[in-house]
Amino acid sequence: MAASLAAALTHLVKGIVEHPDEVRVTSSDTARGELLEVRVHPSDLGRVIGRGGRTAQSLRTVIGAMSEGRRVRIDVVDTDADESA
């Protein structure tokens, strides 16, 4: 099921961004539940987060509804911050 949540999130995010080939979603299990990390092209970060975080919250709502009651967290990772660290 984890792979299908990651695949669904990848599909949704690719529909939003201008650089769909650079969308990466990684899944890992943590003590707080499943973690899905979304990485996109730096210029698409604002599109994925949305105004006031609305788009990111909508993605969390849809994936949460698909998770069948399991705990799932979605983090949108700023790839610029990764490179500068």
N, C-alpha and C. Protein backbone atom coordinates (compact mmCIF):
# COMPACT_ATOMS: atom_id res chain seq x y z
N MET A 1 0.81 -1.20 0.00
CA MET A 1 0.00 0.00 0.00
C MET A 1 0.86 1.26 0.00
N ALA A 2 2.02 1.19 0.66
CA ALA A 2 2.89 2.36 0.74
C ALA A 2 3.31 2.82 -0.66
N ALA A 3 3.62 1.86 -1.50
CA ALA A 3 4.04 2.22 -2.85
C ALA A 3 2.91 2.90 -3.61
N SER A 4 1.68 2.47 -3.38
CA SER A 4 0.57 3.08 -4.10
C SER A 4 0.30 4.51 -3.61
N LEU A 5 0.52 4.78 -2.32
CA LEU A 5 0.36 6.16 -1.82
C LEU A 5 1.43 7.05 -2.44
N ALA A 6 2.66 6.56 -2.50
CA ALA A 6 3.74 7.33 -3.11
C ALA A 6 3.47 7.55 -4.60
N ALA A 7 2.96 6.52 -5.27
CA ALA A 7 2.65 6.64 -6.70
C ALA A 7 1.51 7.64 -6.93
N ALA A 8 0.51 7.60 -6.07
CA ALA A 8 -0.61 8.54 -6.19
C ALA A 8 -0.14 9.97 -5.95
N LEU A 9 0.69 10.16 -4.93
CA LEU A 9 1.21 11.50 -4.65
C LEU A 9 2.08 12.00 -5.80
N THR A 10 2.90 11.12 -6.35
CA THR A 10 3.73 11.48 -7.50
C THR A 10 2.86 11.94 -8.67
N HIS A 11 1.81 11.19 -8.94
CA HIS A 11 0.90 11.53 -10.04
C HIS A 11 0.25 12.90 -9.81
N LEU A 12 -0.21 13.15 -8.59
CA LEU A 12 -0.86 14.43 -8.28
C LEU A 12 0.12 15.59 -8.43
N VAL A 13 1.32 15.42 -7.89
CA VAL A 13 2.30 16.51 -7.94
C VAL A 13 2.76 16.78 -9.37
N LYS A 14 2.94 15.72 -10.17
CA LYS A 14 3.36 15.91 -11.56
C LYS A 14 2.34 16.72 -12.35
N GLY A 15 1.08 16.65 -11.96
CA GLY A 15 0.04 17.43 -12.63
C GLY A 15 0.06 18.90 -12.29
N ILE A 16 0.78 19.27 -11.23
CA ILE A 16 0.82 20.64 -10.75
C ILE A 16 2.03 21.40 -11.28
N VAL A 17 3.16 20.72 -11.40
CA VAL A 17 4.44 21.39 -11.63
C VAL A 17 4.74 21.59 -13.12
N GLU A 18 5.73 22.47 -13.38
CA GLU A 18 6.18 22.71 -14.75
C GLU A 18 7.28 21.74 -15.17
N HIS A 19 7.94 21.12 -14.21
CA HIS A 19 9.03 20.17 -14.49
C HIS A 19 8.67 18.80 -13.92
N PRO A 20 7.71 18.10 -14.53
CA PRO A 20 7.25 16.83 -13.96
C PRO A 20 8.32 15.74 -13.92
N ASP A 21 9.34 15.84 -14.79
CA ASP A 21 10.39 14.82 -14.79
C ASP A 21 11.28 14.90 -13.55
N GLU A 22 11.22 16.02 -12.84
CA GLU A 22 12.07 16.20 -11.66
C GLU A 22 11.34 15.93 -10.35
N VAL A 23 10.12 15.42 -10.41
CA VAL A 23 9.36 15.10 -9.20
C VAL A 23 9.87 13.78 -8.63
N ARG A 24 10.23 13.79 -7.35
CA ARG A 24 10.68 12.59 -6.65
C ARG A 24 9.91 12.48 -5.34
N VAL A 25 9.30 11.32 -5.10
CA VAL A 25 8.61 11.05 -3.85
C VAL A 25 9.26 9.81 -3.24
N THR A 26 9.77 9.97 -2.02
CA THR A 26 10.38 8.84 -1.32
C THR A 26 9.52 8.50 -0.11
N SER A 27 9.44 7.22 0.17
CA SER A 27 8.61 6.74 1.28
C SER A 27 9.50 6.06 2.31
N SER A 28 9.25 6.35 3.59
CA SER A 28 9.97 5.66 4.66
C SER A 28 9.04 5.51 5.86
N ASP A 29 9.27 4.45 6.63
CA ASP A 29 8.49 4.22 7.84
C ASP A 29 9.23 4.82 9.02
N THR A 30 8.51 5.59 9.82
CA THR A 30 9.09 6.20 11.02
C THR A 30 8.25 5.81 12.23
N ALA A 31 8.71 6.20 13.39
CA ALA A 31 7.97 5.91 14.62
C ALA A 31 6.61 6.62 14.63
N ARG A 32 6.51 7.70 13.88
CA ARG A 32 5.26 8.47 13.82
C ARG A 32 4.40 8.10 12.63
N GLY A 33 4.72 7.01 11.95
CA GLY A 33 3.94 6.57 10.79
C GLY A 33 4.75 6.69 9.52
N GLU A 34 4.08 6.56 8.41
CA GLU A 34 4.75 6.63 7.12
C GLU A 34 5.07 8.08 6.77
N LEU A 35 6.24 8.30 6.20
CA LEU A 35 6.67 9.63 5.78
C LEU A 35 6.88 9.61 4.28
N LEU A 36 6.20 10.51 3.59
CA LEU A 36 6.38 10.69 2.14
C LEU A 36 7.06 12.04 1.94
N GLU A 37 8.27 12.02 1.37
CA GLU A 37 9.00 13.26 1.10
C GLU A 37 8.89 13.60 -0.38
N VAL A 38 8.49 14.83 -0.65
CA VAL A 38 8.31 15.30 -2.02
C VAL A 38 9.45 16.25 -2.36
N ARG A 39 10.13 15.96 -3.45
CA ARG A 39 11.18 16.84 -3.95
C ARG A 39 10.81 17.25 -5.37
N VAL A 40 10.89 18.55 -5.65
CA VAL A 40 10.56 19.07 -6.97
C VAL A 40 11.65 20.06 -7.40
N HIS A 41 11.60 20.46 -8.66
CA HIS A 41 12.50 21.50 -9.16
C HIS A 41 12.30 22.75 -8.30
N PRO A 42 13.38 23.46 -7.95
CA PRO A 42 13.25 24.64 -7.08
C PRO A 42 12.21 25.67 -7.54
N SER A 43 12.05 25.84 -8.85
CA SER A 43 11.08 26.83 -9.33
C SER A 43 9.64 26.34 -9.16
N ASP A 44 9.45 25.05 -8.91
CA ASP A 44 8.10 24.50 -8.72
C ASP A 44 7.69 24.42 -7.25
N LEU A 45 8.58 24.76 -6.35
CA LEU A 45 8.29 24.62 -4.92
C LEU A 45 7.05 25.42 -4.52
N GLY A 46 6.94 26.64 -5.01
CA GLY A 46 5.79 27.49 -4.69
C GLY A 46 4.48 26.91 -5.20
N ARG A 47 4.53 26.27 -6.35
CA ARG A 47 3.32 25.65 -6.91
C ARG A 47 2.82 24.51 -6.03
N VAL A 48 3.76 23.71 -5.51
CA VAL A 48 3.38 22.56 -4.71
C VAL A 48 2.86 23.00 -3.34
N ILE A 49 3.48 24.04 -2.77
CA ILE A 49 3.04 24.52 -1.47
C ILE A 49 1.74 25.31 -1.61
N GLY A 50 1.67 26.16 -2.61
CA GLY A 50 0.45 26.94 -2.85
C GLY A 50 0.36 28.15 -1.95
N ARG A 51 -0.60 28.99 -2.24
CA ARG A 51 -0.79 30.21 -1.48
C ARG A 51 -1.27 29.87 -0.07
N GLY A 52 -0.47 30.26 0.91
CA GLY A 52 -0.83 29.97 2.29
C GLY A 52 -0.79 28.48 2.62
N GLY A 53 -0.13 27.70 1.78
CA GLY A 53 -0.02 26.26 2.03
C GLY A 53 -1.25 25.47 1.63
N ARG A 54 -2.14 26.08 0.87
CA ARG A 54 -3.40 25.41 0.52
C ARG A 54 -3.20 24.18 -0.36
N THR A 55 -2.31 24.25 -1.34
CA THR A 55 -2.11 23.12 -2.23
C THR A 55 -1.50 21.94 -1.46
N ALA A 56 -0.49 22.22 -0.64
CA ALA A 56 0.13 21.17 0.16
C ALA A 56 -0.89 20.54 1.10
N GLN A 57 -1.74 21.35 1.70
CA GLN A 57 -2.77 20.83 2.60
C GLN A 57 -3.77 19.96 1.84
N SER A 58 -4.10 20.36 0.65
CA SER A 58 -5.02 19.56 -0.17
C SER A 58 -4.40 18.21 -0.52
N LEU A 59 -3.12 18.21 -0.86
CA LEU A 59 -2.43 16.95 -1.14
C LEU A 59 -2.45 16.05 0.10
N ARG A 60 -2.22 16.63 1.27
CA ARG A 60 -2.25 15.85 2.52
C ARG A 60 -3.63 15.28 2.77
N THR A 61 -4.67 16.04 2.46
CA THR A 61 -6.04 15.57 2.66
C THR A 61 -6.36 14.39 1.76
N VAL A 62 -6.00 14.49 0.49
CA VAL A 62 -6.29 13.42 -0.46
C VAL A 62 -5.53 12.14 -0.09
N ILE A 63 -4.24 12.27 0.19
CA ILE A 63 -3.43 11.10 0.54
C ILE A 63 -3.90 10.53 1.88
N GLY A 64 -4.27 11.38 2.81
CA GLY A 64 -4.80 10.91 4.10
C GLY A 64 -6.07 10.10 3.92
N ALA A 65 -6.91 10.52 2.99
CA ALA A 65 -8.15 9.78 2.71
C ALA A 65 -7.86 8.43 2.08
N MET A 66 -6.77 8.33 1.34
CA MET A 66 -6.40 7.07 0.70
C MET A 66 -5.65 6.12 1.64
N SER A 67 -5.22 6.62 2.79
CA SER A 67 -4.33 5.84 3.66
C SER A 67 -5.05 4.81 4.52
N GLU A 68 -6.37 4.75 4.46
CA GLU A 68 -7.16 3.77 5.19
C GLU A 68 -6.88 3.78 6.69
N GLY A 69 -6.80 4.98 7.26
CA GLY A 69 -6.66 5.11 8.70
C GLY A 69 -5.24 5.06 9.23
N ARG A 70 -4.27 4.75 8.38
CA ARG A 70 -2.88 4.75 8.83
C ARG A 70 -2.35 6.18 8.92
N ARG A 71 -1.34 6.38 9.74
CA ARG A 71 -0.74 7.71 9.88
C ARG A 71 0.24 7.94 8.74
N VAL A 72 0.01 9.02 8.00
CA VAL A 72 0.88 9.36 6.87
C VAL A 72 1.22 10.84 6.98
N ARG A 73 2.52 11.16 6.89
CA ARG A 73 2.97 12.54 6.87
C ARG A 73 3.55 12.84 5.51
N ILE A 74 3.31 14.04 5.03
CA ILE A 74 3.87 14.47 3.75
C ILE A 74 4.72 15.71 4.01
N ASP A 75 5.98 15.63 3.63
CA ASP A 75 6.89 16.77 3.75
C ASP A 75 7.32 17.21 2.36
N VAL A 76 7.20 18.50 2.09
CA VAL A 76 7.71 19.06 0.85
C VAL A 76 9.10 19.58 1.16
N VAL A 77 10.11 19.00 0.54
CA VAL A 77 11.51 19.29 0.85
C VAL A 77 12.02 20.39 -0.08
N ASP A 78 12.64 21.41 0.51
CA ASP A 78 13.25 22.49 -0.26
C ASP A 78 14.61 22.01 -0.73
N THR A 79 14.72 21.68 -2.02
CA THR A 79 15.97 21.13 -2.54
C THR A 79 17.08 22.17 -2.58
N ASP A 80 16.75 23.45 -2.63
CA ASP A 80 17.78 24.50 -2.55
C ASP A 80 18.48 24.44 -1.20
N ALA A 81 17.74 24.21 -0.14
CA ALA A 81 18.32 24.11 1.20
C ALA A 81 19.24 22.90 1.30
N ASP A 82 18.90 21.80 0.64
CA ASP A 82 19.74 20.61 0.65
C ASP A 82 21.10 20.89 0.03
N GLU A 83 21.11 21.63 -1.08
CA GLU A 83 22.34 21.89 -1.81
C GLU A 83 23.24 22.89 -1.09
N SER A 84 22.66 23.84 -0.37
CA SER A 84 23.47 24.86 0.30
C SER A 84 24.02 24.38 1.64
N ALA A 85 23.49 23.29 2.17
CA ALA A 85 23.96 22.81 3.47
C ALA A 85 25.27 22.06 3.37
